[in-house]
């Protein structure tokens, strides 16, 4: 891969933020870790560099000894591929093999401050309770002037009533988190993104479809002080499960955020972009095994402060 120069970066008047569930990084599985070889760190770094991101919200990053070493390796490879200086910050839950949420960012292209764990987004009442995840937040200022509050989350997975109500509890708490961003920085621009696990509730009575859950989520966040709206995605799926596509990852933005172009969409990359959402091609199997069963989703902004 050709290394980018400072001139290459300065010529791009855009800010690009991504979200990617890294699927039990770096083991690739919760049980029998590494059975299929685990994460291909070089390949993952190449994908992130190719997407030309300044910041990447990540989910399912494991921080046992292997995980910490693999994350440092990923940052080294990103520096090499992009000519940047990448850092990683994750939530402060114990490093005991659980999944973490956090942020990777190129310090040469974006300044990240107010980096913090948002414990209230864990629906159990404890920031790390029941091995569910807190959120992770930051205030980002890009080199061109664009700035925003970013909130990354990874909600409970499953189709039982308990799973669904855990996610709904996190939505309600997210309203308060969005309201609390203003004291951190005098900016009304908020981006909320991550793995919302909008899979519906097949075990509820009455049954709740995945689409019904997305609509309910949209209604809740539209009533926040920032009047959040979900960005239309460029593809109908963001993850693969048992050979089928599903929409689990989303990007929400403040409705008054002028840096979001009028025709912008949340761009879905990876195998979700290269193959049918509902028919997994054999060529995608390696990526699903060695990278993630989720696909990156990207928001591109005008890199100016237009507010």
C-alpha atoms as a PDB file:
ATOM      1  CA  UNK A   1       0.000   0.000   0.000  1.00  0.00           C
ATOM      2  CA  UNK A   2       1.298   3.460  -0.918  1.00  0.00           C
ATOM      3  CA  UNK A   3       2.046   5.612   2.110  1.00  0.00           C
ATOM      4  CA  UNK A   4       0.069   8.876   2.170  1.00  0.00           C
ATOM      5  CA  UNK A   5       1.940  12.153   2.404  1.00  0.00           C
ATOM      6  CA  UNK A   6       1.078  15.284   4.369  1.00  0.00           C
ATOM      7  CA  UNK A   7       0.137  16.939   1.065  1.00  0.00           C
ATOM      8  CA  UNK A   8      -2.300  14.129   0.288  1.00  0.00           C
ATOM      9  CA  UNK A   9      -4.017  14.644   3.624  1.00  0.00           C
ATOM     10  CA  UNK A  10      -4.147  18.455   3.470  1.00  0.00           C
ATOM     11  CA  UNK A  11      -5.824  18.426   0.069  1.00  0.00           C
ATOM     12  CA  UNK A  12      -8.866  16.562   1.379  1.00  0.00           C
ATOM     13  CA  UNK A  13     -11.378  19.013   2.864  1.00  0.00           C
ATOM     14  CA  UNK A  14     -13.479  16.341   4.470  1.00  0.00           C
ATOM     15  CA  UNK A  15     -13.755  14.588   7.773  1.00  0.00           C
ATOM     16  CA  UNK A  16     -14.451  10.866   7.760  1.00  0.00           C
ATOM     17  CA  UNK A  17     -15.645   8.981  10.826  1.00  0.00           C
ATOM     18  CA  UNK A  18     -16.292   5.256  10.857  1.00  0.00           C
ATOM     19  CA  UNK A  19     -17.793   2.606  13.091  1.00  0.00           C
ATOM     20  CA  UNK A  20     -16.802  -1.056  13.015  1.00  0.00           C
ATOM     21  CA  UNK A  21     -17.601  -3.991  15.245  1.00  0.00           C
ATOM     22  CA  UNK A  22     -14.331  -5.941  15.166  1.00  0.00           C
ATOM     23  CA  UNK A  23     -15.828  -9.304  16.251  1.00  0.00           C
ATOM     24  CA  UNK A  24     -13.954 -10.357  19.378  1.00  0.00           C
ATOM     25  CA  UNK A  25     -10.725  -8.700  18.214  1.00  0.00           C
ATOM     26  CA  UNK A  26      -8.165 -10.274  18.005  1.00  0.00           C
ATOM     27  CA  UNK A  27      -9.413 -13.838  18.624  1.00  0.00           C
ATOM     28  CA  UNK A  28     -12.360 -13.747  16.230  1.00  0.00           C
ATOM     29  CA  UNK A  29     -14.494 -15.820  18.617  1.00  0.00           C
ATOM     30  CA  UNK A  30     -15.595 -15.921  22.248  1.00  0.00           C
ATOM     31  CA  UNK A  31     -14.899 -19.650  22.492  1.00  0.00           C
ATOM     32  CA  UNK A  32     -12.006 -21.601  20.976  1.00  0.00           C
ATOM     33  CA  UNK A  33     -10.229 -18.288  20.264  1.00  0.00           C
ATOM     34  CA  UNK A  34      -8.088 -18.257  17.210  1.00  0.00           C
ATOM     35  CA  UNK A  35      -9.477 -21.536  15.894  1.00  0.00           C
ATOM     36  CA  UNK A  36      -9.811 -19.978  12.440  1.00  0.00           C
ATOM     37  CA  UNK A  37      -6.655 -17.916  12.841  1.00  0.00           C
ATOM     38  CA  UNK A  38      -8.207 -14.915  14.561  1.00  0.00           C
ATOM     39  CA  UNK A  39      -8.051 -11.373  13.212  1.00  0.00           C
ATOM     40  CA  UNK A  40      -5.699 -10.666  10.322  1.00  0.00           C
ATOM     41  CA  UNK A  41      -4.248  -7.462  11.772  1.00  0.00           C
ATOM     42  CA  UNK A  42      -2.378  -6.432   8.614  1.00  0.00           C
ATOM     43  CA  UNK A  43      -5.511  -6.847   6.526  1.00  0.00           C
ATOM     44  CA  UNK A  44      -7.595  -4.896   9.036  1.00  0.00           C
ATOM     45  CA  UNK A  45      -5.079  -2.046   9.108  1.00  0.00           C
ATOM     46  CA  UNK A  46      -5.058  -1.973   5.313  1.00  0.00           C
ATOM     47  CA  UNK A  47      -8.875  -1.692   5.233  1.00  0.00           C
ATOM     48  CA  UNK A  48      -8.920   1.152   7.768  1.00  0.00           C
ATOM     49  CA  UNK A  49      -6.190   2.998   5.855  1.00  0.00           C
ATOM     50  CA  UNK A  50      -8.019   2.476   2.545  1.00  0.00           C
ATOM     51  CA  UNK A  51     -11.189   4.009   4.025  1.00  0.00           C
ATOM     52  CA  UNK A  52      -9.188   7.198   4.735  1.00  0.00           C
ATOM     53  CA  UNK A  53     -10.663   7.714   8.201  1.00  0.00           C
ATOM     54  CA  UNK A  54      -9.550  10.216  10.794  1.00  0.00           C
ATOM     55  CA  UNK A  55     -11.420   8.421  13.581  1.00  0.00           C
ATOM     56  CA  UNK A  56     -12.948   4.960  13.952  1.00  0.00           C
ATOM     57  CA  UNK A  57     -15.392   3.981  16.689  1.00  0.00           C
ATOM     58  CA  UNK A  58     -14.814   0.313  17.515  1.00  0.00           C
ATOM     59  CA  UNK A  59     -16.710  -2.399  19.350  1.00  0.00           C
ATOM     60  CA  UNK A  60     -15.786  -5.899  20.551  1.00  0.00           C
ATOM     61  CA  UNK A  61     -12.136  -5.152  21.292  1.00  0.00           C
ATOM     62  CA  UNK A  62     -10.819  -7.644  23.854  1.00  0.00           C
ATOM     63  CA  UNK A  63      -8.024  -6.522  26.175  1.00  0.00           C
ATOM     64  CA  UNK A  64      -6.387  -9.614  27.568  1.00  0.00           C
ATOM     65  CA  UNK A  65      -2.644  -9.890  26.888  1.00  0.00           C
ATOM     66  CA  UNK A  66      -3.147 -11.038  23.279  1.00  0.00           C
ATOM     67  CA  UNK A  67      -5.631  -8.232  22.724  1.00  0.00           C
ATOM     68  CA  UNK A  68      -3.333  -5.517  24.040  1.00  0.00           C
ATOM     69  CA  UNK A  69      -0.467  -6.742  21.881  1.00  0.00           C
ATOM     70  CA  UNK A  70      -2.659  -7.016  18.789  1.00  0.00           C
ATOM     71  CA  UNK A  71      -4.045  -3.505  19.311  1.00  0.00           C
ATOM     72  CA  UNK A  72      -0.536  -2.050  19.509  1.00  0.00           C
ATOM     73  CA  UNK A  73       0.340  -3.969  16.337  1.00  0.00           C
ATOM     74  CA  UNK A  74      -2.740  -2.547  14.607  1.00  0.00           C
ATOM     75  CA  UNK A  75      -1.745   1.001  15.555  1.00  0.00           C
ATOM     76  CA  UNK A  76       1.803   0.452  14.283  1.00  0.00           C
ATOM     77  CA  UNK A  77       0.506  -0.823  10.964  1.00  0.00           C
ATOM     78  CA  UNK A  78      -1.908   2.130  10.658  1.00  0.00           C
ATOM     79  CA  UNK A  79       0.982   4.535  11.202  1.00  0.00           C
ATOM     80  CA  UNK A  80       2.932   2.760   8.487  1.00  0.00           C
ATOM     81  CA  UNK A  81       0.066   2.640   5.977  1.00  0.00           C
ATOM     82  CA  UNK A  82      -1.242   6.190   6.516  1.00  0.00           C
ATOM     83  CA  UNK A  83       1.839   8.175   7.534  1.00  0.00           C
ATOM     84  CA  UNK A  84      -0.159   9.234  10.590  1.00  0.00           C
ATOM     85  CA  UNK A  85       0.125   8.803  14.332  1.00  0.00           C
ATOM     86  CA  UNK A  86      -2.696   6.642  15.622  1.00  0.00           C
ATOM     87  CA  UNK A  87      -3.897   6.182  19.187  1.00  0.00           C
ATOM     88  CA  UNK A  88      -6.518   3.939  20.777  1.00  0.00           C
ATOM     89  CA  UNK A  89      -8.687   4.704  23.794  1.00  0.00           C
ATOM     90  CA  UNK A  90     -11.119   2.167  25.233  1.00  0.00           C
ATOM     91  CA  UNK A  91     -13.665   2.061  28.028  1.00  0.00           C
ATOM     92  CA  UNK A  92     -12.327   1.526  31.540  1.00  0.00           C
ATOM     93  CA  UNK A  93     -14.038  -1.801  32.313  1.00  0.00           C
ATOM     94  CA  UNK A  94     -11.701  -4.573  33.566  1.00  0.00           C
ATOM     95  CA  UNK A  95      -9.318  -6.106  31.041  1.00  0.00           C
ATOM     96  CA  UNK A  96     -10.498  -9.630  31.736  1.00  0.00           C
ATOM     97  CA  UNK A  97     -11.375 -10.890  28.282  1.00  0.00           C
ATOM     98  CA  UNK A  98     -14.612  -8.958  27.936  1.00  0.00           C
ATOM     99  CA  UNK A  99     -15.613  -6.862  24.928  1.00  0.00           C
ATOM    100  CA  UNK A 100     -14.739  -3.152  24.999  1.00  0.00           C
ATOM    101  CA  UNK A 101     -15.879  -0.114  23.051  1.00  0.00           C
ATOM    102  CA  UNK A 102     -13.599   2.772  22.183  1.00  0.00           C
ATOM    103  CA  UNK A 103     -12.019   4.997  19.594  1.00  0.00           C
ATOM    104  CA  UNK A 104      -9.057   4.774  17.214  1.00  0.00           C
ATOM    105  CA  UNK A 105      -7.916   8.142  15.846  1.00  0.00           C
ATOM    106  CA  UNK A 106      -5.078   9.721  13.895  1.00  0.00           C
ATOM    107  CA  UNK A 107      -3.671  12.486  16.102  1.00  0.00           C
ATOM    108  CA  UNK A 108      -2.185  14.207  13.038  1.00  0.00           C
ATOM    109  CA  UNK A 109      -5.657  14.711  11.543  1.00  0.00           C
ATOM    110  CA  UNK A 110      -8.016  15.082  14.493  1.00  0.00           C
ATOM    111  CA  UNK A 111      -7.759  16.303  18.082  1.00  0.00           C
ATOM    112  CA  UNK A 112      -9.707  14.138  20.523  1.00  0.00           C
ATOM    113  CA  UNK A 113     -10.509  15.526  23.969  1.00  0.00           C
ATOM    114  CA  UNK A 114     -12.992  14.770  26.768  1.00  0.00           C
ATOM    115  CA  UNK A 115     -12.381  11.047  26.150  1.00  0.00           C
ATOM    116  CA  UNK A 116     -14.508   9.146  28.644  1.00  0.00           C
ATOM    117  CA  UNK A 117     -16.459   6.012  29.488  1.00  0.00           C
ATOM    118  CA  UNK A 118     -20.230   6.577  29.593  1.00  0.00           C
ATOM    119  CA  UNK A 119     -21.332   4.092  32.234  1.00  0.00           C
ATOM    120  CA  UNK A 120     -25.009   5.011  32.114  1.00  0.00           C
ATOM    121  CA  UNK A 121     -25.423   3.370  28.679  1.00  0.00           C
ATOM    122  CA  UNK A 122     -24.993  -0.028  30.318  1.00  0.00           C
ATOM    123  CA  UNK A 123     -28.637  -0.899  31.103  1.00  0.00           C
ATOM    124  CA  UNK A 124     -27.804  -2.858  34.284  1.00  0.00           C
ATOM    125  CA  UNK A 125     -27.188   0.242  36.414  1.00  0.00           C
ATOM    126  CA  UNK A 126     -23.474  -0.571  36.657  1.00  0.00           C
ATOM    127  CA  UNK A 127     -21.022   0.658  34.023  1.00  0.00           C
ATOM    128  CA  UNK A 128     -19.557  -2.822  33.513  1.00  0.00           C
ATOM    129  CA  UNK A 129     -22.383  -4.956  34.912  1.00  0.00           C
ATOM    130  CA  UNK A 130     -23.358  -8.374  33.514  1.00  0.00           C
ATOM    131  CA  UNK A 131     -20.567  -8.069  30.937  1.00  0.00           C
ATOM    132  CA  UNK A 132     -22.659  -5.603  28.962  1.00  0.00           C
ATOM    133  CA  UNK A 133     -20.981  -2.491  27.633  1.00  0.00           C
ATOM    134  CA  UNK A 134     -20.887   1.153  28.658  1.00  0.00           C
ATOM    135  CA  UNK A 135     -20.638   3.761  25.935  1.00  0.00           C
ATOM    136  CA  UNK A 136     -17.582   5.764  24.970  1.00  0.00           C
ATOM    137  CA  UNK A 137     -17.581   9.473  24.153  1.00  0.00           C
ATOM    138  CA  UNK A 138     -15.168  12.120  22.871  1.00  0.00           C
ATOM    139  CA  UNK A 139     -15.073  15.651  21.541  1.00  0.00           C
ATOM    140  CA  UNK A 140     -13.420  15.719  18.118  1.00  0.00           C
ATOM    141  CA  UNK A 141     -11.942  18.693  16.280  1.00  0.00           C
ATOM    142  CA  UNK A 142     -10.668  18.068  12.758  1.00  0.00           C
ATOM    143  CA  UNK A 143      -7.862  19.988  11.062  1.00  0.00           C
ATOM    144  CA  UNK A 144     -10.221  21.848   8.733  1.00  0.00           C
ATOM    145  CA  UNK A 145     -12.339  23.154  11.608  1.00  0.00           C
ATOM    146  CA  UNK A 146     -15.232  20.695  11.854  1.00  0.00           C
ATOM    147  CA  UNK A 147     -15.947  19.706  15.449  1.00  0.00           C
ATOM    148  CA  UNK A 148     -18.496  17.469  17.142  1.00  0.00           C
ATOM    149  CA  UNK A 149     -19.401  15.304  20.102  1.00  0.00           C
ATOM    150  CA  UNK A 150     -19.122  11.595  19.313  1.00  0.00           C
ATOM    151  CA  UNK A 151     -20.851   8.820  21.260  1.00  0.00           C
ATOM    152  CA  UNK A 152     -20.002   5.189  20.476  1.00  0.00           C
ATOM    153  CA  UNK A 153     -22.132   2.330  21.771  1.00  0.00           C
ATOM    154  CA  UNK A 154     -22.629  -1.415  21.569  1.00  0.00           C
ATOM    155  CA  UNK A 155     -26.059  -2.457  22.834  1.00  0.00           C
ATOM    156  CA  UNK A 156     -27.247  -5.822  24.123  1.00  0.00           C
ATOM    157  CA  UNK A 157     -27.580  -8.582  21.528  1.00  0.00           C
ATOM    158  CA  UNK A 158     -30.435 -11.064  21.298  1.00  0.00           C
ATOM    159  CA  UNK A 159     -34.083 -11.503  20.426  1.00  0.00           C
ATOM    160  CA  UNK A 160     -35.524 -12.232  23.884  1.00  0.00           C
ATOM    161  CA  UNK A 161     -37.714  -9.776  25.768  1.00  0.00           C
ATOM    162  CA  UNK A 162     -34.866  -9.130  28.222  1.00  0.00           C
ATOM    163  CA  UNK A 163     -32.451  -8.306  25.398  1.00  0.00           C
ATOM    164  CA  UNK A 164     -34.923  -5.964  23.734  1.00  0.00           C
ATOM    165  CA  UNK A 165     -35.789  -4.159  26.975  1.00  0.00           C
ATOM    166  CA  UNK A 166     -32.076  -3.753  27.753  1.00  0.00           C
ATOM    167  CA  UNK A 167     -31.611  -2.014  24.419  1.00  0.00           C
ATOM    168  CA  UNK A 168     -34.671   0.161  24.967  1.00  0.00           C
ATOM    169  CA  UNK A 169     -33.323   1.171  28.390  1.00  0.00           C
ATOM    170  CA  UNK A 170     -30.065   2.247  26.758  1.00  0.00           C
ATOM    171  CA  UNK A 171     -31.992   4.359  24.219  1.00  0.00           C
ATOM    172  CA  UNK A 172     -33.733   6.228  27.037  1.00  0.00           C
ATOM    173  CA  UNK A 173     -30.444   6.807  28.854  1.00  0.00           C
ATOM    174  CA  UNK A 174     -28.861   7.970  25.616  1.00  0.00           C
ATOM    175  CA  UNK A 175     -31.273  10.928  25.585  1.00  0.00           C
ATOM    176  CA  UNK A 176     -29.756  12.164  28.857  1.00  0.00           C
ATOM    177  CA  UNK A 177     -26.212  11.541  27.618  1.00  0.00           C
ATOM    178  CA  UNK A 178     -26.842  13.665  24.530  1.00  0.00           C
ATOM    179  CA  UNK A 179     -28.252  16.461  26.705  1.00  0.00           C
ATOM    180  CA  UNK A 180     -25.110  16.358  28.864  1.00  0.00           C
ATOM    181  CA  UNK A 181     -22.726  16.945  25.938  1.00  0.00           C
ATOM    182  CA  UNK A 182     -23.150  20.713  25.935  1.00  0.00           C
ATOM    183  CA  UNK A 183     -21.100  21.412  29.106  1.00  0.00           C
ATOM    184  CA  UNK A 184     -18.210  19.392  27.638  1.00  0.00           C
ATOM    185  CA  UNK A 185     -17.868  21.712  24.656  1.00  0.00           C
ATOM    186  CA  UNK A 186     -19.943  24.583  23.346  1.00  0.00           C
ATOM    187  CA  UNK A 187     -21.179  22.759  20.278  1.00  0.00           C
ATOM    188  CA  UNK A 188     -24.575  21.351  19.386  1.00  0.00           C
ATOM    189  CA  UNK A 189     -23.201  18.901  16.807  1.00  0.00           C
ATOM    190  CA  UNK A 190     -23.575  15.330  18.020  1.00  0.00           C
ATOM    191  CA  UNK A 191     -22.881  12.047  16.220  1.00  0.00           C
ATOM    192  CA  UNK A 192     -24.062   8.783  17.795  1.00  0.00           C
ATOM    193  CA  UNK A 193     -22.912   5.608  16.093  1.00  0.00           C
ATOM    194  CA  UNK A 194     -22.106   1.985  16.718  1.00  0.00           C
ATOM    195  CA  UNK A 195     -23.648  -1.459  16.944  1.00  0.00           C
ATOM    196  CA  UNK A 196     -27.251  -0.932  18.081  1.00  0.00           C
ATOM    197  CA  UNK A 197     -28.089  -4.636  17.569  1.00  0.00           C
ATOM    198  CA  UNK A 198     -31.496  -3.754  16.139  1.00  0.00           C
ATOM    199  CA  UNK A 199     -32.598  -7.354  15.628  1.00  0.00           C
ATOM    200  CA  UNK A 200     -36.135  -7.105  16.976  1.00  0.00           C
ATOM    201  CA  UNK A 201     -37.753  -9.405  19.519  1.00  0.00           C
ATOM    202  CA  UNK A 202     -39.056 -12.669  18.092  1.00  0.00           C
ATOM    203  CA  UNK A 203     -39.803 -13.933  21.613  1.00  0.00           C
ATOM    204  CA  UNK A 204     -41.898 -10.938  22.632  1.00  0.00           C
ATOM    205  CA  UNK A 205     -45.698 -10.984  22.596  1.00  0.00           C
ATOM    206  CA  UNK A 206     -46.577  -9.389  20.284  1.00  0.00           C
ATOM    207  CA  UNK A 207     -43.508 -10.059  18.175  1.00  0.00           C
ATOM    208  CA  UNK A 208     -41.350  -7.020  17.320  1.00  0.00           C
ATOM    209  CA  UNK A 209     -39.613  -7.024  13.950  1.00  0.00           C
ATOM    210  CA  UNK A 210     -36.158  -5.598  13.373  1.00  0.00           C
ATOM    211  CA  UNK A 211     -37.718  -2.818  11.298  1.00  0.00           C
ATOM    212  CA  UNK A 212     -40.180  -2.003  14.111  1.00  0.00           C
ATOM    213  CA  UNK A 213     -37.267  -1.707  16.517  1.00  0.00           C
ATOM    214  CA  UNK A 214     -35.411   0.696  14.218  1.00  0.00           C
ATOM    215  CA  UNK A 215     -38.534   2.874  13.928  1.00  0.00           C
ATOM    216  CA  UNK A 216     -38.950   2.925  17.721  1.00  0.00           C
ATOM    217  CA  UNK A 217     -35.286   3.877  18.121  1.00  0.00           C
ATOM    218  CA  UNK A 218     -35.655   6.687  15.583  1.00  0.00           C
ATOM    219  CA  UNK A 219     -38.647   8.094  17.452  1.00  0.00           C
ATOM    220  CA  UNK A 220     -36.820   8.084  20.785  1.00  0.00           C
ATOM    221  CA  UNK A 221     -33.721   9.871  19.459  1.00  0.00           C
ATOM    222  CA  UNK A 222     -35.766  12.385  17.453  1.00  0.00           C
ATOM    223  CA  UNK A 223     -37.086  13.651  20.792  1.00  0.00           C
ATOM    224  CA  UNK A 224     -33.622  14.437  22.170  1.00  0.00           C
ATOM    225  CA  UNK A 225     -32.510  18.091  22.545  1.00  0.00           C
ATOM    226  CA  UNK A 226     -30.312  17.658  19.456  1.00  0.00           C
ATOM    227  CA  UNK A 227     -33.224  16.164  17.440  1.00  0.00           C
ATOM    228  CA  UNK A 228     -31.151  13.229  16.244  1.00  0.00           C
ATOM    229  CA  UNK A 229     -31.900  11.647  12.866  1.00  0.00           C
ATOM    230  CA  UNK A 230     -30.696   8.348  11.479  1.00  0.00           C
ATOM    231  CA  UNK A 231     -28.543   8.608   8.379  1.00  0.00           C
ATOM    232  CA  UNK A 232     -29.835   6.572   5.462  1.00  0.00           C
ATOM    233  CA  UNK A 233     -27.409   3.727   4.806  1.00  0.00           C
ATOM    234  CA  UNK A 234     -25.996   2.989   1.366  1.00  0.00           C
ATOM    235  CA  UNK A 235     -26.771  -0.731   1.765  1.00  0.00           C
ATOM    236  CA  UNK A 236     -29.584  -2.722   3.356  1.00  0.00           C
ATOM    237  CA  UNK A 237     -27.315  -4.622   5.713  1.00  0.00           C
ATOM    238  CA  UNK A 238     -24.303  -3.949   7.927  1.00  0.00           C
ATOM    239  CA  UNK A 239     -23.582  -7.474   9.191  1.00  0.00           C
ATOM    240  CA  UNK A 240     -23.845 -11.122   8.161  1.00  0.00           C
ATOM    241  CA  UNK A 241     -25.325 -13.862  10.318  1.00  0.00           C
ATOM    242  CA  UNK A 242     -25.546 -17.461   9.087  1.00  0.00           C
ATOM    243  CA  UNK A 243     -25.232 -16.329   5.489  1.00  0.00           C
ATOM    244  CA  UNK A 244     -27.864 -13.605   5.661  1.00  0.00           C
ATOM    245  CA  UNK A 245     -27.583  -9.852   5.900  1.00  0.00           C
ATOM    246  CA  UNK A 246     -28.988  -7.803   8.764  1.00  0.00           C
ATOM    247  CA  UNK A 247     -28.965  -4.124   9.733  1.00  0.00           C
ATOM    248  CA  UNK A 248     -27.402  -3.712  13.176  1.00  0.00           C
ATOM    249  CA  UNK A 249     -25.071  -0.702  12.868  1.00  0.00           C
ATOM    250  CA  UNK A 250     -26.328   2.860  12.551  1.00  0.00           C
ATOM    251  CA  UNK A 251     -25.230   6.496  12.474  1.00  0.00           C
ATOM    252  CA  UNK A 252     -27.358   9.274  13.994  1.00  0.00           C
ATOM    253  CA  UNK A 253     -26.551  12.986  13.632  1.00  0.00           C
ATOM    254  CA  UNK A 254     -27.968  16.231  14.995  1.00  0.00           C
ATOM    255  CA  UNK A 255     -30.618  17.443  12.567  1.00  0.00           C
ATOM    256  CA  UNK A 256     -29.151  20.965  12.626  1.00  0.00           C
ATOM    257  CA  UNK A 257     -25.596  19.825  11.911  1.00  0.00           C
ATOM    258  CA  UNK A 258     -24.589  21.864   8.863  1.00  0.00           C
ATOM    259  CA  UNK A 259     -21.401  19.899   8.203  1.00  0.00           C
ATOM    260  CA  UNK A 260     -23.494  16.922   7.021  1.00  0.00           C
ATOM    261  CA  UNK A 261     -24.108  17.367   3.262  1.00  0.00           C
ATOM    262  CA  UNK A 262     -27.778  17.368   2.269  1.00  0.00           C
ATOM    263  CA  UNK A 263     -27.345  14.263   0.108  1.00  0.00           C
ATOM    264  CA  UNK A 264     -25.081  12.392   2.531  1.00  0.00           C
ATOM    265  CA  UNK A 265     -25.638   8.760   3.459  1.00  0.00           C
ATOM    266  CA  UNK A 266     -23.929   6.441   5.895  1.00  0.00           C
ATOM    267  CA  UNK A 267     -21.707   4.480   3.527  1.00  0.00           C
ATOM    268  CA  UNK A 268     -21.482   0.762   4.207  1.00  0.00           C
ATOM    269  CA  UNK A 269     -18.171  -0.772   3.135  1.00  0.00           C
ATOM    270  CA  UNK A 270     -16.580  -4.219   3.163  1.00  0.00           C
ATOM    271  CA  UNK A 271     -18.331  -7.397   2.071  1.00  0.00           C
ATOM    272  CA  UNK A 272     -21.725  -5.748   2.611  1.00  0.00           C
ATOM    273  CA  UNK A 273     -20.890  -3.388  -0.239  1.00  0.00           C
ATOM    274  CA  UNK A 274     -19.246  -5.986  -2.477  1.00  0.00           C
ATOM    275  CA  UNK A 275     -21.859  -8.729  -2.240  1.00  0.00           C
ATOM    276  CA  UNK A 276     -25.589  -9.129  -1.922  1.00  0.00           C
ATOM    277  CA  UNK A 277     -26.816  -8.484   1.596  1.00  0.00           C
ATOM    278  CA  UNK A 278     -28.832 -11.664   1.479  1.00  0.00           C
ATOM    279  CA  UNK A 279     -26.572 -14.049  -0.444  1.00  0.00           C
ATOM    280  CA  UNK A 280     -23.122 -14.493   0.958  1.00  0.00           C
ATOM    281  CA  UNK A 281     -20.610 -15.125  -1.823  1.00  0.00           C
ATOM    282  CA  UNK A 282     -17.749 -17.520  -1.262  1.00  0.00           C
ATOM    283  CA  UNK A 283     -15.229 -14.719  -1.788  1.00  0.00           C
ATOM    284  CA  UNK A 284     -16.589 -12.970   1.308  1.00  0.00           C
ATOM    285  CA  UNK A 285     -15.973 -15.896   3.647  1.00  0.00           C
ATOM    286  CA  UNK A 286     -12.339 -15.019   4.288  1.00  0.00           C
ATOM    287  CA  UNK A 287     -13.208 -11.445   5.232  1.00  0.00           C
ATOM    288  CA  UNK A 288     -16.027 -12.576   7.524  1.00  0.00           C
ATOM    289  CA  UNK A 289     -13.651 -15.005   9.227  1.00  0.00           C
ATOM    290  CA  UNK A 290     -10.423 -12.977   9.409  1.00  0.00           C
ATOM    291  CA  UNK A 291     -11.850  -9.456   9.800  1.00  0.00           C
ATOM    292  CA  UNK A 292     -15.392  -9.331  11.166  1.00  0.00           C
ATOM    293  CA  UNK A 293     -18.958 -10.468  10.636  1.00  0.00           C
ATOM    294  CA  UNK A 294     -19.839  -6.763  10.658  1.00  0.00           C
ATOM    295  CA  UNK A 295     -18.998  -4.209   7.992  1.00  0.00           C
ATOM    296  CA  UNK A 296     -17.573  -0.711   8.498  1.00  0.00           C
ATOM    297  CA  UNK A 297     -20.046   2.146   8.184  1.00  0.00           C
ATOM    298  CA  UNK A 298     -18.765   5.653   7.374  1.00  0.00           C
ATOM    299  CA  UNK A 299     -20.002   9.207   7.807  1.00  0.00           C
ATOM    300  CA  UNK A 300     -18.323  11.876   5.666  1.00  0.00           C
ATOM    301  CA  UNK A 301     -18.550  15.537   6.732  1.00  0.00           C
ATOM    302  CA  UNK A 302     -17.513  18.867   5.315  1.00  0.00           C
ATOM    303  CA  UNK A 303     -14.317  19.665   7.241  1.00  0.00           C
ATOM    304  CA  UNK A 304     -15.270  23.216   8.190  1.00  0.00           C
ATOM    305  CA  UNK A 305     -16.980  24.701  11.223  1.00  0.00           C
ATOM    306  CA  UNK A 306     -20.247  25.825   9.616  1.00  0.00           C
ATOM    307  CA  UNK A 307     -22.226  26.490  12.793  1.00  0.00           C
END
